[in-house]
Amino acid sequence: MYGSGDGSALMEAIKKLGNQLAIEREPELQTLVSAAFVRLSQEAASKRCYPAMQQALSSLESVETQRPGSTQSLRPRIGAEERLPEFIEEAMRSGHIADGMMEILNLMPKATIHYVTNRFGHCGFREDCELLATIIRNLGEDATQRLLETLQTAPPTEAVEAVGLVSQLSPENVEKILPARLSQWPRSSHDRAVRQLSATPAEERARLLVAIYDSLDAMIRPLAIDEMGMSGQVSGIPKLIELVQNDATPGFTRLKAVEALGRLRASGSSQLFQHILETRQVWRWVYPNELRIAAAQALMRVEPTMGMEKIAASGIDRKELTLEPSDPEANASVIRQRRYARLKLARNLIAVTTNLREFQAFHT
């Protein structure tokens, strides 16, 4: 009955029970009042009546002030912290933060930061990431500072999980902290950091990827280049051109930079693409065929008419150009879009992956 209606009766009942609990001295009545207080508080949680829940937690604080130690057994029974994941997941499903919910989360900042940080790393949609960042932002500056401290001082596996969230809240500090920290982290954490950054808004993402690029493990750099291209931001173009022009850049990394420049429609790269496509050495082409194909595809994106002319004289078979990089969708909700069109194979492909930690091989 108390849980029905708009929750005002539930809130008032919890308040009265809390007041009585603070002054009750009769052991038997204390037990009965405590049981009623817990039951109504649980009802508030199950009905997502956040103002009534806030009242319950405030009443506990008042009771603890008057009778120190008396609420230790009540808090776990109310189960506010245990239900915190339910509250946040419901907010993500509905797409908004319900009235009164932030007041509850503000009473449990440590648990909220911990859950939101872990949940952020498993999000696949930008709207969810933005909502989680809003929750932390609403907790106040202290919450952001805690995450920055985690990024700066925590072990790699813990610190890297804060990268995506802090990049939404304080990208300028991530730009200062992350390059130095990457030098202390293993390759797996470099990979995780780049994937975390894929959830960052496009402008900040491109800038951060350029800032950390030279600190990344060589095996992870192609992934970062892909993200620069998929960001759609021109701020990454100078770095990408530098990588393509440098003959010391590893082949696959160079190819990825060409693809990224094509995705970004970097018109200033046209001459560079033509150079890769056309340069010969007596009887052979100077650049590997894979890089020439990537340059041809990028040139078609930048200057279609010029691209058709150059490809006709390049010796590249038209069939080799059919499987090309996909362009990003500007308004897509998903964080990590498909980089290439899906290809249906004519026959099964046998693959083997080895787990170096357990020295086991798995076949598919």
Protein backbone atom coordinates (compact mmCIF):
# COMPACT_ATOMS: atom_id res chain seq x y z
CA MET A 1 0.00 0.00 0.00
CA TYR A 2 2.75 2.46 0.92
CA GLY A 3 4.56 1.66 -2.32
CA SER A 4 1.60 2.61 -4.51
CA GLY A 5 0.81 6.05 -5.88
CA ASP A 6 3.43 8.71 -6.47
CA GLY A 7 5.73 7.52 -3.67
CA SER A 8 4.98 10.39 -1.28
CA ALA A 9 3.35 8.05 1.26
CA LEU A 10 6.34 5.70 1.04
CA MET A 11 8.74 8.59 1.55
CA GLU A 12 6.81 9.91 4.56
CA ALA A 13 6.58 6.45 6.14
CA ILE A 14 10.34 5.89 5.76
CA LYS A 15 11.01 9.32 7.30
CA LYS A 16 8.79 8.57 10.34
CA LEU A 17 10.35 5.13 10.82
CA GLY A 18 13.83 6.65 10.61
CA ASN A 19 12.97 9.24 13.24
CA GLN A 20 11.55 6.56 15.53
CA LEU A 21 14.57 4.31 14.98
CA ALA A 22 16.87 7.10 16.11
CA ILE A 23 15.14 7.51 19.49
CA GLU A 24 13.73 4.01 20.21
CA ARG A 25 15.41 2.32 23.19
CA GLU A 26 13.16 -0.73 23.67
CA PRO A 27 15.06 -3.69 22.06
CA GLU A 28 11.94 -5.49 20.86
CA LEU A 29 10.50 -2.33 19.31
CA GLN A 30 13.89 -1.50 17.78
CA THR A 31 13.78 -4.85 15.98
CA LEU A 32 10.25 -4.25 14.68
CA VAL A 33 10.91 -0.68 13.58
CA SER A 34 14.18 -1.75 11.89
CA ALA A 35 12.37 -4.53 10.00
CA ALA A 36 9.69 -2.10 8.80
CA PHE A 37 12.31 0.48 7.81
CA VAL A 38 14.24 -2.11 5.78
CA ARG A 39 11.09 -3.47 4.13
CA LEU A 40 9.89 -0.05 2.99
CA SER A 41 13.38 0.93 1.84
CA GLN A 42 13.56 -2.24 -0.26
CA GLU A 43 10.15 -1.40 -1.72
CA ALA A 44 11.46 2.04 -2.67
CA ALA A 45 14.43 0.43 -4.44
CA SER A 46 12.32 -2.14 -6.30
CA LYS A 47 9.85 0.57 -7.44
CA ARG A 48 12.75 2.85 -8.44
CA CYS A 49 11.29 5.53 -6.18
CA TYR A 50 14.54 7.46 -5.90
CA PRO A 51 13.28 10.27 -3.61
CA ALA A 52 12.10 7.64 -1.09
CA MET A 53 15.45 5.86 -1.38
CA GLN A 54 17.24 9.12 -0.77
CA GLN A 55 15.09 9.60 2.32
CA ALA A 56 16.04 6.12 3.55
CA LEU A 57 19.76 6.78 3.16
CA SER A 58 19.45 10.22 4.77
CA SER A 59 17.55 8.68 7.68
CA LEU A 60 20.33 6.12 8.13
CA GLU A 61 22.86 8.94 8.38
CA SER A 62 20.72 10.64 11.01
CA VAL A 63 20.32 7.41 13.00
CA GLU A 64 24.07 6.74 12.82
CA THR A 65 24.77 10.22 14.19
CA GLN A 66 22.54 9.66 17.20
CA ARG A 67 23.33 5.98 17.73
CA PRO A 68 26.82 5.24 16.31
CA GLY A 69 27.22 1.71 14.95
CA SER A 70 23.49 0.95 14.96
CA THR A 71 23.09 1.07 11.17
CA GLN A 72 25.87 -1.36 10.20
CA SER A 73 23.44 -4.26 9.83
CA LEU A 74 20.76 -2.14 8.12
CA ARG A 75 22.75 -0.84 5.15
CA PRO A 76 23.44 -4.27 3.59
CA ARG A 77 19.79 -5.26 4.09
CA ILE A 78 18.53 -2.17 2.29
CA GLY A 79 20.88 -3.13 -0.56
CA ALA A 80 21.26 0.29 -2.19
CA GLU A 81 24.81 -0.42 -3.39
CA GLU A 82 23.86 -3.91 -4.59
CA ARG A 83 21.09 -2.38 -6.70
CA LEU A 84 23.30 0.36 -8.12
CA PRO A 85 24.03 -1.64 -11.33
CA GLU A 86 20.27 -2.08 -11.84
CA PHE A 87 19.72 1.68 -11.58
CA ILE A 88 22.46 2.49 -14.09
CA GLU A 89 21.41 -0.23 -16.53
CA GLU A 90 17.83 1.02 -16.41
CA ALA A 91 19.03 4.55 -17.18
CA MET A 92 20.93 3.19 -20.19
CA ARG A 93 17.86 1.30 -21.43
CA SER A 94 15.62 4.35 -21.11
CA GLY A 95 18.26 6.76 -22.42
CA HIS A 96 17.91 9.25 -19.56
CA ILE A 97 18.70 9.67 -15.87
CA ALA A 98 15.49 9.45 -13.83
CA ASP A 99 14.56 12.21 -11.39
CA GLY A 100 16.22 11.66 -8.06
CA MET A 101 18.64 9.02 -9.33
CA MET A 102 21.70 11.28 -9.24
CA GLU A 103 20.98 12.17 -5.62
CA ILE A 104 21.17 8.45 -4.79
CA LEU A 105 24.38 7.96 -6.77
CA ASN A 106 25.93 11.01 -5.10
CA LEU A 107 25.52 9.21 -1.78
CA MET A 108 27.57 6.28 -3.17
CA PRO A 109 30.28 8.00 -5.27
CA LYS A 110 32.98 5.34 -4.93
CA ALA A 111 30.70 2.46 -5.94
CA THR A 112 29.23 4.53 -8.78
CA ILE A 113 32.64 5.44 -10.23
CA HIS A 114 33.78 1.81 -10.03
CA TYR A 115 30.72 0.41 -11.81
CA VAL A 116 30.48 3.15 -14.45
CA THR A 117 34.18 2.82 -15.32
CA ASN A 118 33.89 -0.94 -15.88
CA ARG A 119 30.58 -0.58 -17.74
CA PHE A 120 31.97 2.10 -20.06
CA GLY A 121 34.57 -0.33 -21.36
CA HIS A 122 31.85 -2.72 -22.52
CA CYS A 123 29.64 -0.19 -24.30
CA GLY A 124 29.10 -0.51 -28.02
CA PHE A 125 27.03 2.62 -28.61
CA ARG A 126 27.93 6.30 -28.31
CA GLU A 127 24.67 7.24 -26.60
CA ASP A 128 25.46 4.83 -23.75
CA CYS A 129 28.97 6.24 -23.39
CA GLU A 130 27.66 9.79 -23.28
CA LEU A 131 25.09 8.91 -20.61
CA LEU A 132 27.72 7.22 -18.43
CA ALA A 133 30.02 10.22 -18.83
CA THR A 134 27.11 12.47 -17.79
CA ILE A 135 26.65 10.43 -14.62
CA ILE A 136 30.30 10.91 -13.64
CA ARG A 137 30.17 14.58 -14.62
CA ASN A 138 27.15 15.04 -12.35
CA LEU A 139 29.05 13.51 -9.44
CA GLY A 140 31.24 16.59 -9.49
CA GLU A 141 34.88 17.49 -10.03
CA ASP A 142 36.05 15.05 -7.34
CA ALA A 143 34.87 12.11 -9.45
CA THR A 144 36.87 13.30 -12.47
CA GLN A 145 39.92 13.82 -10.27
CA ARG A 146 39.63 10.27 -8.92
CA LEU A 147 39.60 8.90 -12.45
CA LEU A 148 42.61 11.03 -13.39
CA GLU A 149 44.47 9.67 -10.37
CA THR A 150 43.59 6.14 -11.48
CA LEU A 151 44.94 6.87 -14.97
CA GLN A 152 48.11 8.38 -13.53
CA THR A 153 49.01 5.95 -10.75
CA ALA A 154 47.05 2.67 -10.99
CA PRO A 155 48.48 -0.57 -12.47
CA PRO A 156 48.10 -0.86 -16.28
CA THR A 157 45.07 -3.18 -16.32
CA GLU A 158 43.16 -0.85 -13.99
CA ALA A 159 44.39 2.47 -15.38
CA VAL A 160 43.62 1.64 -19.01
CA GLU A 161 39.94 1.06 -18.19
CA ALA A 162 39.66 4.73 -17.20
CA VAL A 163 41.03 6.02 -20.52
CA GLY A 164 37.76 6.18 -22.45
CA LEU A 165 35.75 7.77 -19.66
CA VAL A 166 38.38 10.37 -18.72
CA SER A 167 38.82 11.24 -22.40
CA GLN A 168 35.19 12.34 -22.42
CA LEU A 169 35.54 14.36 -19.23
CA SER A 170 39.05 15.83 -19.41
CA PRO A 171 40.74 15.14 -22.78
CA GLU A 172 43.42 17.80 -22.21
CA ASN A 173 44.69 15.93 -19.13
CA VAL A 174 44.64 12.60 -20.96
CA GLU A 175 46.79 14.19 -23.66
CA LYS A 176 49.36 15.08 -20.98
CA ILE A 177 49.25 11.85 -18.94
CA LEU A 178 48.72 9.01 -21.41
CA PRO A 179 51.89 9.21 -23.58
CA ALA A 180 54.13 8.87 -20.51
CA ARG A 181 52.04 6.07 -19.04
CA LEU A 182 52.01 4.09 -22.28
CA SER A 183 55.78 3.74 -22.05
CA GLN A 184 55.24 1.73 -18.83
CA TRP A 185 52.44 -0.49 -20.17
CA PRO A 186 52.50 -3.79 -22.07
CA ARG A 187 51.26 -4.12 -25.65
CA SER A 188 47.87 -5.48 -24.56
CA SER A 189 47.19 -2.26 -22.63
CA HIS A 190 48.17 -0.20 -25.67
CA ASP A 191 45.57 -2.08 -27.70
CA ARG A 192 42.95 -1.55 -24.99
CA ALA A 193 43.76 2.18 -24.75
CA VAL A 194 43.17 2.73 -28.48
CA ARG A 195 39.90 0.81 -28.35
CA GLN A 196 38.81 2.88 -25.34
CA LEU A 197 39.58 6.07 -27.26
CA SER A 198 37.25 4.96 -30.06
CA ALA A 199 34.35 6.01 -27.79
CA THR A 200 35.66 9.58 -27.51
CA PRO A 201 33.97 12.33 -29.58
CA ALA A 202 35.59 12.54 -33.00
CA GLU A 203 37.51 15.81 -32.63
CA GLU A 204 39.14 14.87 -29.32
CA ARG A 205 39.72 11.29 -30.51
CA ALA A 206 41.76 12.36 -33.55
CA ARG A 207 43.84 14.79 -31.49
CA LEU A 208 44.53 12.24 -28.75
CA LEU A 209 45.49 9.53 -31.23
CA VAL A 210 48.02 11.84 -32.87
CA ALA A 211 49.37 12.82 -29.44
CA ILE A 212 49.94 9.23 -28.30
CA TYR A 213 50.93 7.71 -31.66
CA ASP A 214 54.71 7.77 -31.16
CA SER A 215 54.29 6.20 -27.68
CA LEU A 216 52.30 3.24 -28.99
CA ASP A 217 53.69 -0.24 -29.57
CA ALA A 218 54.56 -0.72 -33.26
CA MET A 219 52.00 -3.54 -33.56
CA ILE A 220 49.18 -1.29 -32.28
CA ARG A 221 49.93 1.75 -34.46
CA PRO A 222 47.91 0.46 -37.46
CA LEU A 223 44.86 0.26 -35.19
CA ALA A 224 45.38 3.90 -34.12
CA ILE A 225 45.73 4.95 -37.77
CA ASP A 226 42.44 3.21 -38.60
CA GLU A 227 40.78 5.21 -35.83
CA MET A 228 42.24 8.46 -37.17
CA GLY A 229 40.70 7.75 -40.56
CA MET A 230 37.36 6.66 -39.11
CA SER A 231 37.16 9.84 -36.98
CA GLY A 232 36.57 11.98 -40.08
CA GLN A 233 38.74 14.74 -38.57
CA VAL A 234 41.37 16.53 -40.67
CA SER A 235 43.61 17.12 -37.64
CA GLY A 236 45.17 13.70 -38.23
CA ILE A 237 46.12 14.39 -41.88
CA PRO A 238 49.61 15.92 -41.31
CA LYS A 239 50.69 12.92 -39.21
CA LEU A 240 49.32 10.47 -41.77
CA ILE A 241 51.11 12.22 -44.65
CA GLU A 242 54.33 12.14 -42.66
CA LEU A 243 53.97 8.36 -42.21
CA VAL A 244 53.29 7.75 -45.92
CA GLN A 245 56.21 9.91 -47.04
CA ASN A 246 58.69 8.20 -44.72
CA ASP A 247 60.27 5.15 -46.40
CA ALA A 248 61.17 3.83 -42.94
CA THR A 249 57.48 3.39 -42.05
CA PRO A 250 56.66 -0.37 -41.95
CA GLY A 251 54.70 -1.61 -44.97
CA PHE A 252 51.40 -2.42 -43.27
CA THR A 253 51.47 0.79 -41.24
CA ARG A 254 52.12 2.77 -44.40
CA LEU A 255 49.26 1.05 -46.19
CA LYS A 256 46.90 1.88 -43.29
CA ALA A 257 47.97 5.54 -43.44
CA VAL A 258 47.15 5.64 -47.17
CA GLU A 259 43.72 4.14 -46.46
CA ALA A 260 43.10 6.68 -43.69
CA LEU A 261 44.03 9.60 -45.97
CA GLY A 262 41.59 8.25 -48.56
CA ARG A 263 38.81 8.02 -45.96
CA LEU A 264 39.55 11.61 -44.93
CA ARG A 265 39.45 12.80 -48.56
CA ALA A 266 42.86 14.42 -48.05
CA SER A 267 43.16 16.25 -51.38
CA GLY A 268 46.68 17.37 -50.54
CA SER A 269 47.75 13.73 -50.73
CA SER A 270 46.88 13.32 -54.42
CA GLN A 271 50.45 13.74 -55.64
CA LEU A 272 51.66 11.31 -53.01
CA PHE A 273 49.17 8.66 -54.15
CA GLN A 274 50.17 9.17 -57.77
CA HIS A 275 53.84 8.81 -56.88
CA ILE A 276 53.20 5.46 -55.14
CA LEU A 277 51.05 4.26 -58.03
CA GLU A 278 53.34 5.28 -60.91
CA THR A 279 56.97 5.08 -59.76
CA ARG A 280 58.94 2.43 -61.65
CA GLN A 281 62.45 1.02 -61.52
CA VAL A 282 63.41 -0.20 -64.99
CA TRP A 283 61.46 -3.52 -65.14
CA ARG A 284 59.31 -3.31 -62.04
CA TRP A 285 57.18 -1.06 -59.86
CA VAL A 286 58.98 0.47 -56.90
CA TYR A 287 56.23 0.01 -54.32
CA PRO A 288 54.57 -3.28 -53.32
CA ASN A 289 51.36 -4.14 -55.14
CA GLU A 290 49.24 -3.97 -51.96
CA LEU A 291 50.39 -0.39 -51.29
CA ARG A 292 49.79 0.60 -54.92
CA ILE A 293 46.24 -0.80 -54.74
CA ALA A 294 45.58 1.18 -51.55
CA ALA A 295 46.97 4.33 -53.22
CA ALA A 296 44.74 3.75 -56.28
CA GLN A 297 41.65 3.36 -54.08
CA ALA A 298 42.55 6.47 -52.08
CA LEU A 299 43.16 8.49 -55.28
CA MET A 300 39.71 7.49 -56.54
CA ARG A 301 38.23 8.98 -53.37
CA VAL A 302 40.25 12.21 -53.60
CA GLU A 303 40.21 12.82 -57.39
CA PRO A 304 37.94 10.29 -59.18
CA THR A 305 38.67 11.48 -62.75
CA MET A 306 42.43 11.57 -62.22
CA GLY A 307 42.21 8.23 -60.42
CA MET A 308 40.54 6.49 -63.37
CA GLU A 309 43.24 7.75 -65.75
CA LYS A 310 46.11 6.69 -63.51
CA ILE A 311 44.62 3.27 -62.76
CA ALA A 312 44.15 2.55 -66.46
CA ALA A 313 47.92 2.89 -66.95
CA SER A 314 48.92 1.26 -63.66
CA GLY A 315 48.69 -2.40 -64.63
CA ILE A 316 46.37 -3.07 -61.67
CA ASP A 317 43.53 -5.47 -62.42
CA ARG A 318 40.07 -3.99 -61.78
CA LYS A 319 39.20 -7.03 -59.66
CA GLU A 320 41.96 -6.07 -57.23
CA LEU A 321 40.19 -2.80 -56.50
CA THR A 322 36.79 -4.25 -55.61
CA LEU A 323 37.56 -4.99 -51.94
CA GLU A 324 38.16 -1.50 -50.61
CA PRO A 325 38.03 0.26 -47.24
CA SER A 326 34.56 1.33 -46.10
CA ASP A 327 33.79 4.96 -45.35
CA PRO A 328 32.57 5.79 -41.83
CA GLU A 329 28.95 6.78 -41.28
CA ALA A 330 28.94 10.20 -39.65
CA ASN A 331 25.84 9.67 -37.49
CA ALA A 332 26.27 5.99 -36.65
CA SER A 333 25.56 5.01 -33.04
CA VAL A 334 28.07 2.17 -32.95
CA ILE A 335 31.50 2.99 -31.58
CA ARG A 336 33.59 0.79 -33.85
CA GLN A 337 32.22 0.61 -37.37
CA ARG A 338 33.15 -2.05 -39.90
CA ARG A 339 36.39 -1.10 -41.69
CA TYR A 340 35.83 -3.28 -44.77
CA ALA A 341 32.84 -4.78 -46.52
CA ARG A 342 32.00 -8.29 -45.35
CA LEU A 343 33.16 -10.89 -47.87
CA LYS A 344 31.55 -14.30 -48.18
CA LEU A 345 34.24 -16.87 -48.88
CA ALA A 346 33.77 -19.56 -51.51
CA ARG A 347 35.19 -22.17 -49.13
CA ASN A 348 35.98 -22.54 -45.45
CA LEU A 349 39.14 -20.86 -44.21
CA ILE A 350 41.28 -22.82 -41.75
CA ALA A 351 42.80 -20.68 -38.98
CA VAL A 352 44.96 -21.39 -35.96
CA THR A 353 45.41 -19.13 -32.93
CA THR A 354 47.94 -19.80 -30.20
CA ASN A 355 47.53 -18.79 -26.57
CA LEU A 356 51.10 -17.95 -25.59
CA ARG A 357 50.25 -17.90 -21.89
CA GLU A 358 48.85 -21.44 -21.80
CA PHE A 359 50.77 -22.78 -24.83
CA GLN A 360 47.62 -24.15 -26.41
CA ALA A 361 46.52 -23.93 -30.02
CA PHE A 362 42.89 -23.59 -31.08
CA HIS A 363 41.66 -24.51 -34.54
CA THR A 364 38.59 -23.14 -36.31
